[in-house]
Amino acid sequence: GLARATADAEDPVGADTLLRPIPPRWDPAIDAFRLMVRRAQTPDIPTAERWVEEYPEEVLYRLVLARSLSRAGQPARALPHYLAAVAADTSLDLREEAADVAVAAESLNTASLLLQDVLGRDPSRDRALLAYGRTRARLGDNQEAVRAFEVIMG
């Protein structure tokens, strides 16, 4: 009750702190409430890591950790968490975001595959076409890079 009142008072961190003594998976209703409270937070990396450790199957926690690591300039550590989120979320925007992180992590093949998926679903996404062309060029596939750039130029 106190955690719910704290959340209603727009203090999600305080509500989450009050829920901490209750172990994960103890009560599905509490897990759902915990997830709702955590959606309103932007945690630091150790907190996000704890959330993933508690609920490794929860896509939102993986994505929160991925974004925290990415913001901290750790794309190689962020990428596996992005890929876990992408596996469960069909959003094209998330795939583009993950592709950007893959490029930053020098995982160009992964970036290329993510961008191919985006373009296979929506070939009109100029941002994805540009990123795909640049990625293919960095991989030495100049023919595919030029094709992507030609599509952008119309």
C-alpha atoms as a PDB file:
ATOM      1  CA  GLY A   1       0.000   0.000   0.000  1.00  0.00           C
ATOM      2  CA  LEU A   2       2.775   2.433   0.914  1.00  0.00           C
ATOM      3  CA  ALA A   3       4.628   1.653  -2.337  1.00  0.00           C
ATOM      4  CA  ARG A   4       1.455   2.347  -4.348  1.00  0.00           C
ATOM      5  CA  ALA A   5       0.900   5.652  -2.516  1.00  0.00           C
ATOM      6  CA  THR A   6       4.523   6.600  -3.120  1.00  0.00           C
ATOM      7  CA  ALA A   7       4.154   5.816  -6.833  1.00  0.00           C
ATOM      8  CA  ASP A   8       0.912   7.819  -6.954  1.00  0.00           C
ATOM      9  CA  ALA A   9       2.866  10.722  -5.429  1.00  0.00           C
ATOM     10  CA  GLU A  10       5.112  10.523  -8.506  1.00  0.00           C
ATOM     11  CA  ASP A  11       8.098   9.033  -6.701  1.00  0.00           C
ATOM     12  CA  PRO A  12       8.868   5.875  -8.703  1.00  0.00           C
ATOM     13  CA  VAL A  13      12.335   5.485  -7.191  1.00  0.00           C
ATOM     14  CA  GLY A  14      10.877   5.613  -3.677  1.00  0.00           C
ATOM     15  CA  ALA A  15       8.166   3.117  -4.610  1.00  0.00           C
ATOM     16  CA  ASP A  16      10.766   0.775  -6.127  1.00  0.00           C
ATOM     17  CA  THR A  17      12.880   1.064  -2.983  1.00  0.00           C
ATOM     18  CA  LEU A  18       9.881   0.089  -0.855  1.00  0.00           C
ATOM     19  CA  LEU A  19       9.330  -2.973  -3.073  1.00  0.00           C
ATOM     20  CA  ARG A  20      12.960  -4.108  -2.830  1.00  0.00           C
ATOM     21  CA  PRO A  21      12.469  -6.431   0.196  1.00  0.00           C
ATOM     22  CA  ILE A  22       9.843  -8.384  -1.769  1.00  0.00           C
ATOM     23  CA  PRO A  23      11.708 -10.958  -3.888  1.00  0.00           C
ATOM     24  CA  PRO A  24      11.173 -11.158  -7.652  1.00  0.00           C
ATOM     25  CA  ARG A  25       8.487 -13.590  -8.800  1.00  0.00           C
ATOM     26  CA  TRP A  26       6.992 -13.800  -5.308  1.00  0.00           C
ATOM     27  CA  ASP A  27       3.664 -12.386  -6.514  1.00  0.00           C
ATOM     28  CA  PRO A  28       2.731 -11.684 -10.156  1.00  0.00           C
ATOM     29  CA  ALA A  29       0.748  -8.585  -9.153  1.00  0.00           C
ATOM     30  CA  ILE A  30       3.785  -7.147  -7.378  1.00  0.00           C
ATOM     31  CA  ASP A  31       5.996  -7.976 -10.367  1.00  0.00           C
ATOM     32  CA  ALA A  32       3.572  -6.101 -12.646  1.00  0.00           C
ATOM     33  CA  PHE A  33       3.480  -3.139 -10.273  1.00  0.00           C
ATOM     34  CA  ARG A  34       7.283  -3.174 -10.016  1.00  0.00           C
ATOM     35  CA  LEU A  35       7.523  -3.097 -13.820  1.00  0.00           C
ATOM     36  CA  MET A  36       5.095  -0.166 -13.985  1.00  0.00           C
ATOM     37  CA  VAL A  37       7.089   1.773 -11.380  1.00  0.00           C
ATOM     38  CA  ARG A  38      10.365   1.061 -13.150  1.00  0.00           C
ATOM     39  CA  ARG A  39       9.044   2.299 -16.497  1.00  0.00           C
ATOM     40  CA  ALA A  40       9.086   5.807 -15.027  1.00  0.00           C
ATOM     41  CA  GLN A  41      12.774   5.615 -14.082  1.00  0.00           C
ATOM     42  CA  THR A  42      16.085   6.188 -15.841  1.00  0.00           C
ATOM     43  CA  PRO A  43      18.394   4.082 -13.679  1.00  0.00           C
ATOM     44  CA  ASP A  44      22.163   4.043 -13.524  1.00  0.00           C
ATOM     45  CA  ILE A  45      23.999   1.033 -14.946  1.00  0.00           C
ATOM     46  CA  PRO A  46      24.308  -0.950 -11.680  1.00  0.00           C
ATOM     47  CA  THR A  47      20.585  -0.564 -11.003  1.00  0.00           C
ATOM     48  CA  ALA A  48      19.666  -1.587 -14.556  1.00  0.00           C
ATOM     49  CA  GLU A  49      22.001  -4.589 -14.258  1.00  0.00           C
ATOM     50  CA  ARG A  50      20.248  -5.610 -11.043  1.00  0.00           C
ATOM     51  CA  TRP A  51      16.880  -5.392 -12.800  1.00  0.00           C
ATOM     52  CA  VAL A  52      18.099  -7.652 -15.616  1.00  0.00           C
ATOM     53  CA  GLU A  53      19.555 -10.067 -13.093  1.00  0.00           C
ATOM     54  CA  GLU A  54      16.188 -10.205 -11.283  1.00  0.00           C
ATOM     55  CA  TYR A  55      14.140 -10.548 -14.491  1.00  0.00           C
ATOM     56  CA  PRO A  56      16.407 -11.681 -17.372  1.00  0.00           C
ATOM     57  CA  GLU A  57      13.394 -12.446 -19.573  1.00  0.00           C
ATOM     58  CA  GLU A  58      11.871  -8.958 -19.270  1.00  0.00           C
ATOM     59  CA  VAL A  59      12.519  -7.060 -22.503  1.00  0.00           C
ATOM     60  CA  LEU A  60      11.992  -3.628 -20.960  1.00  0.00           C
ATOM     61  CA  TYR A  61      14.762  -4.187 -18.412  1.00  0.00           C
ATOM     62  CA  ARG A  62      17.123  -5.370 -21.170  1.00  0.00           C
ATOM     63  CA  LEU A  63      16.356  -2.263 -23.180  1.00  0.00           C
ATOM     64  CA  VAL A  64      16.831   0.040 -20.193  1.00  0.00           C
ATOM     65  CA  LEU A  65      20.234  -1.527 -19.526  1.00  0.00           C
ATOM     66  CA  ALA A  66      21.167  -1.369 -23.220  1.00  0.00           C
ATOM     67  CA  ARG A  67      20.353   2.336 -23.383  1.00  0.00           C
ATOM     68  CA  SER A  68      22.191   3.067 -20.125  1.00  0.00           C
ATOM     69  CA  LEU A  69      25.302   1.312 -21.412  1.00  0.00           C
ATOM     70  CA  SER A  70      25.030   3.038 -24.769  1.00  0.00           C
ATOM     71  CA  ARG A  71      24.713   6.481 -23.160  1.00  0.00           C
ATOM     72  CA  ALA A  72      27.796   5.659 -21.088  1.00  0.00           C
ATOM     73  CA  GLY A  73      29.795   4.978 -24.256  1.00  0.00           C
ATOM     74  CA  GLN A  74      29.814   1.188 -23.865  1.00  0.00           C
ATOM     75  CA  PRO A  75      28.243  -0.003 -27.136  1.00  0.00           C
ATOM     76  CA  ALA A  76      29.912  -3.427 -27.085  1.00  0.00           C
ATOM     77  CA  ARG A  77      28.346  -4.166 -23.694  1.00  0.00           C
ATOM     78  CA  ALA A  78      25.011  -2.667 -24.784  1.00  0.00           C
ATOM     79  CA  LEU A  79      24.671  -4.651 -28.004  1.00  0.00           C
ATOM     80  CA  PRO A  80      23.734  -8.081 -26.548  1.00  0.00           C
ATOM     81  CA  HIS A  81      20.968  -6.434 -24.533  1.00  0.00           C
ATOM     82  CA  TYR A  82      19.700  -4.593 -27.613  1.00  0.00           C
ATOM     83  CA  LEU A  83      19.673  -7.877 -29.521  1.00  0.00           C
ATOM     84  CA  ALA A  84      17.698  -9.548 -26.727  1.00  0.00           C
ATOM     85  CA  ALA A  85      15.169  -6.708 -26.878  1.00  0.00           C
ATOM     86  CA  VAL A  86      15.004  -6.813 -30.689  1.00  0.00           C
ATOM     87  CA  ALA A  87      14.257 -10.542 -30.556  1.00  0.00           C
ATOM     88  CA  ALA A  88      11.063  -9.809 -28.644  1.00  0.00           C
ATOM     89  CA  ASP A  89      10.085  -6.416 -30.108  1.00  0.00           C
ATOM     90  CA  THR A  90       9.213  -5.985 -33.784  1.00  0.00           C
ATOM     91  CA  SER A  91       9.645  -2.197 -33.799  1.00  0.00           C
ATOM     92  CA  LEU A  92      11.623  -0.871 -36.756  1.00  0.00           C
ATOM     93  CA  ASP A  93      12.795   2.115 -34.708  1.00  0.00           C
ATOM     94  CA  LEU A  94      14.322  -0.234 -32.144  1.00  0.00           C
ATOM     95  CA  ARG A  95      16.114  -2.157 -34.910  1.00  0.00           C
ATOM     96  CA  GLU A  96      17.564   1.084 -36.270  1.00  0.00           C
ATOM     97  CA  GLU A  97      18.654   2.086 -32.772  1.00  0.00           C
ATOM     98  CA  ALA A  98      20.283  -1.323 -32.272  1.00  0.00           C
ATOM     99  CA  ALA A  99      21.991  -1.024 -35.668  1.00  0.00           C
ATOM    100  CA  ASP A 100      23.484   2.335 -34.627  1.00  0.00           C
ATOM    101  CA  VAL A 101      24.864   0.712 -31.483  1.00  0.00           C
ATOM    102  CA  ALA A 102      26.184  -2.235 -33.514  1.00  0.00           C
ATOM    103  CA  VAL A 103      28.087   0.203 -35.752  1.00  0.00           C
ATOM    104  CA  ALA A 104      29.491   1.966 -32.694  1.00  0.00           C
ATOM    105  CA  ALA A 105      30.549  -1.448 -31.356  1.00  0.00           C
ATOM    106  CA  GLU A 106      32.215  -2.251 -34.719  1.00  0.00           C
ATOM    107  CA  SER A 107      29.758  -5.140 -35.240  1.00  0.00           C
ATOM    108  CA  LEU A 108      29.144  -4.176 -38.840  1.00  0.00           C
ATOM    109  CA  ASN A 109      27.668  -7.503 -39.954  1.00  0.00           C
ATOM    110  CA  THR A 110      25.132  -7.322 -37.143  1.00  0.00           C
ATOM    111  CA  ALA A 111      24.286  -3.742 -38.083  1.00  0.00           C
ATOM    112  CA  SER A 112      23.878  -4.747 -41.714  1.00  0.00           C
ATOM    113  CA  LEU A 113      21.507  -7.599 -40.813  1.00  0.00           C
ATOM    114  CA  LEU A 114      19.396  -5.342 -38.598  1.00  0.00           C
ATOM    115  CA  LEU A 115      19.176  -2.707 -41.315  1.00  0.00           C
ATOM    116  CA  GLN A 116      18.301  -5.321 -43.951  1.00  0.00           C
ATOM    117  CA  ASP A 117      15.429  -6.394 -41.712  1.00  0.00           C
ATOM    118  CA  VAL A 118      14.237  -2.785 -41.389  1.00  0.00           C
ATOM    119  CA  LEU A 119      14.468  -2.180 -45.139  1.00  0.00           C
ATOM    120  CA  GLY A 120      12.784  -5.490 -45.911  1.00  0.00           C
ATOM    121  CA  ARG A 121       9.761  -4.291 -43.978  1.00  0.00           C
ATOM    122  CA  ASP A 122       9.889  -0.624 -45.042  1.00  0.00           C
ATOM    123  CA  PRO A 123      12.196   0.127 -47.976  1.00  0.00           C
ATOM    124  CA  SER A 124      11.334   3.844 -47.832  1.00  0.00           C
ATOM    125  CA  ARG A 125      13.187   4.554 -44.574  1.00  0.00           C
ATOM    126  CA  ASP A 126      15.892   6.969 -45.726  1.00  0.00           C
ATOM    127  CA  ARG A 127      17.750   6.916 -42.416  1.00  0.00           C
ATOM    128  CA  ALA A 128      18.017   3.130 -42.571  1.00  0.00           C
ATOM    129  CA  LEU A 129      19.046   3.251 -46.247  1.00  0.00           C
ATOM    130  CA  LEU A 130      21.814   5.738 -45.483  1.00  0.00           C
ATOM    131  CA  ALA A 131      23.050   3.710 -42.506  1.00  0.00           C
ATOM    132  CA  TYR A 132      22.884   0.518 -44.575  1.00  0.00           C
ATOM    133  CA  GLY A 133      24.873   2.110 -47.414  1.00  0.00           C
ATOM    134  CA  ARG A 134      27.531   3.373 -45.023  1.00  0.00           C
ATOM    135  CA  THR A 135      27.723   0.000 -43.271  1.00  0.00           C
ATOM    136  CA  ARG A 136      28.034  -1.924 -46.530  1.00  0.00           C
ATOM    137  CA  ALA A 137      30.778   0.495 -47.658  1.00  0.00           C
ATOM    138  CA  ARG A 138      32.703  -0.081 -44.418  1.00  0.00           C
ATOM    139  CA  LEU A 139      32.361  -3.811 -45.029  1.00  0.00           C
ATOM    140  CA  GLY A 140      33.884  -3.345 -48.492  1.00  0.00           C
ATOM    141  CA  ASP A 141      30.654  -4.099 -50.364  1.00  0.00           C
ATOM    142  CA  ASN A 142      30.746  -0.989 -52.541  1.00  0.00           C
ATOM    143  CA  GLN A 143      28.202  -2.314 -55.045  1.00  0.00           C
ATOM    144  CA  GLU A 144      25.534  -2.738 -52.354  1.00  0.00           C
ATOM    145  CA  ALA A 145      26.500   0.610 -50.791  1.00  0.00           C
ATOM    146  CA  VAL A 146      26.082   2.432 -54.116  1.00  0.00           C
ATOM    147  CA  ARG A 147      22.717   0.718 -54.670  1.00  0.00           C
ATOM    148  CA  ALA A 148      21.470   1.970 -51.297  1.00  0.00           C
ATOM    149  CA  PHE A 149      22.705   5.496 -51.981  1.00  0.00           C
ATOM    150  CA  GLU A 150      21.050   5.479 -55.426  1.00  0.00           C
ATOM    151  CA  VAL A 151      17.735   4.520 -53.853  1.00  0.00           C
ATOM    152  CA  ILE A 152      18.033   7.493 -51.478  1.00  0.00           C
ATOM    153  CA  MET A 153      18.789   9.898 -54.325  1.00  0.00           C
ATOM    154  CA  GLY A 154      15.718   8.681 -56.129  1.00  0.00           C
END
